[in-house]
Protein backbone atom coordinates (compact mmCIF):
# COMPACT_ATOMS: atom_id res chain seq x y z
CA MET A 1 0.00 0.00 0.00
CA ILE A 2 1.46 3.36 -1.06
CA GLY A 3 0.18 6.36 0.90
CA GLY A 4 -3.28 4.89 1.41
CA ILE A 5 -3.67 3.78 -2.23
CA GLY A 6 -3.99 0.04 -2.66
CA PRO A 7 -3.50 -2.12 -5.75
CA SER A 8 -7.17 -1.92 -6.75
CA GLU A 9 -7.14 1.89 -6.63
CA MET A 10 -3.95 1.96 -8.71
CA MET A 11 -5.58 -0.27 -11.35
CA LEU A 12 -8.61 2.03 -11.45
CA ILE A 13 -6.42 5.13 -11.87
CA PHE A 14 -4.44 3.40 -14.63
CA ALA A 15 -7.66 2.38 -16.42
CA VAL A 16 -9.01 5.96 -16.29
CA LEU A 17 -5.72 7.30 -17.64
CA LEU A 18 -5.78 4.73 -20.40
CA LEU A 19 -9.31 5.78 -21.38
CA LEU A 20 -8.51 9.51 -21.23
CA PHE A 21 -5.18 9.54 -23.06
CA GLY A 22 -5.07 6.30 -25.02
CA ALA A 23 -2.38 3.65 -25.08
CA ASN A 24 -0.11 5.67 -27.42
CA LYS A 25 -0.09 8.77 -25.22
CA LEU A 26 0.67 7.07 -21.88
CA PRO A 27 4.41 6.51 -22.49
CA GLU A 28 4.75 10.11 -23.67
CA LEU A 29 2.82 11.34 -20.62
CA ALA A 30 4.99 9.26 -18.28
CA ARG A 31 8.14 10.54 -19.99
CA SER A 32 7.06 14.18 -19.62
CA MET A 33 6.15 13.60 -15.97
CA GLY A 34 9.58 12.07 -15.38
CA THR A 35 11.25 15.04 -17.06
CA SER A 36 9.18 17.44 -14.98
CA MET A 37 10.11 15.66 -11.77
CA GLY A 38 13.79 15.76 -12.74
CA GLU A 39 13.60 19.49 -13.43
CA PHE A 40 11.79 20.06 -10.15
CA LYS A 41 14.45 18.17 -8.19
CA LYS A 42 17.20 20.08 -10.02
CA ALA A 43 15.57 23.42 -9.18
CA GLN A 44 15.14 22.31 -5.58
CA LYS A 45 18.85 21.43 -5.29
CA GLU A 46 19.82 24.76 -6.87
CA SER A 47 17.64 26.70 -4.43
CA GLU A 48 19.10 24.78 -1.49
CA GLN A 49 22.61 25.54 -2.75
CA SER A 50 21.68 29.21 -3.15
CA LEU A 51 20.42 29.25 0.42
CA ARG A 52 23.65 27.66 1.69
CA ASP A 53 25.69 30.21 -0.31
CA TYR A 54 23.63 33.08 1.11
CA GLU A 55 24.04 31.80 4.68
CA ARG A 56 27.78 31.40 4.12
CA SER A 57 28.09 34.95 2.76
CA MET A 58 26.10 36.34 5.70
CA LYS A 59 28.36 34.47 8.14
CA ASN A 60 31.46 35.81 6.38
CA ALA A 61 30.05 39.34 6.41
CA THR A 62 29.31 39.08 10.13
CA GLN A 63 32.82 37.80 10.84
CA ALA A 64 34.34 40.57 8.72
CA LYS A 65 32.26 43.16 10.58
CA SER A 66 33.36 41.75 13.95
CA THR A 67 37.00 41.84 12.85
CA GLU A 68 36.57 45.41 11.60
CA GLN A 69 34.96 46.46 14.89
CA ALA A 70 37.79 44.86 16.87
CA LYS A 71 40.39 46.71 14.79
CA GLU A 72 38.48 49.96 15.25
CA LYS A 73 38.36 49.37 19.01
CA ASP A 74 42.12 48.70 19.05
CA SER A 75 42.70 51.88 17.12
CA ASN A 76 40.46 53.89 19.43
CA VAL A 77 42.21 52.61 22.57
CA LYS A 78 45.61 53.49 21.13
CA GLN A 79 44.33 56.92 20.06
CA VAL A 80 42.98 57.69 23.54
CA ALA A 81 46.21 56.49 25.16
CA SER A 82 48.25 58.58 22.78
CA ASN A 83 46.08 61.65 23.48
CA LEU A 84 46.70 61.17 27.21
CA GLY A 85 50.44 61.00 26.60
CA ILE A 86 50.77 57.27 27.25
CA SER A 87 53.34 55.41 25.17
CA THR A 88 51.61 52.70 23.10
CA GLU A 89 54.78 50.94 21.89
CA GLY A 90 54.67 47.19 22.54
CA LYS A 91 51.63 47.37 24.80
CA SER A 92 48.44 45.40 24.45
CA ASN A 93 45.05 47.04 24.58
CA ASP A 94 44.46 45.59 28.03
CA GLU A 95 47.67 47.15 29.31
CA LEU A 96 46.75 50.46 27.72
CA LEU A 97 43.26 50.34 29.24
CA VAL A 98 44.76 49.76 32.71
CA GLU A 99 47.05 52.75 32.26
CA ILE A 100 44.22 54.93 30.91
CA ASN A 101 42.01 53.91 33.83
CA SER A 102 44.68 54.63 36.42
CA MET A 103 45.42 58.01 34.79
CA LEU A 104 41.75 58.97 34.79
CA LYS A 105 41.39 58.04 38.49
CA ASN A 106 44.16 60.47 39.38
């Protein structure tokens, strides 16, 4: 039994198709249905690939934005430290932030 359709129902459907389209048209009809199904599956795979590509590009854009924001933050910390007269040579942002904080407390 396929999806609630038994052998007797399948025979009835086949008989109706045979009456409607004739014996010569059935192979052509089956061929066109097969081609249509193949095209549908191909389009489905292409749309799934497009979705994966879109998700990948969004992920890359988000990572690039995060990297850009981190670089901007680094630059801003060094700029503030430099404006306060703190030497930035060889110091990490955390070290600079500690020095900026201690300078601002005084």
